[in-house]
């Protein structure tokens, strides 16, 4: 089981930056994948980036690659999402989620919300123009 608590959201102007944090706890962290999703009003939940704890390998959605970066702090058991050059269309509730195992199996990448059993409560990010 994995417990997740997000923080770091807020209001930022377009072009600005934010760093979201996801505090991770539980006995299965070392064999888990931690992933960031977001959900804008009226839209489906969208995959952003994933990190497999063992080894630290990462993957980023093409639409945010180069602007968003997922990383971790092994000591603090925290996963971060660094977001730069924010745009108004980045406004959403941002969630971290977890699943046992890696973020891929063969050629299949676990990017659907249904692939993830554990979720945080979400943190709001609002980008003003």
Foldseek 3Di string as FASTA:
>chain_A
DKAWAKDWADEAAAQAKTKMKIAIDDDQQQQKKKFKWWDDPPGDIWTAKIFRNNVGDMDGDPVQPPFWDWGADPVRNMIMIIGGRDDQVVWTWMKMFMDGHDQADVPRGNTDPVRTDYIYPTDTHGYHD
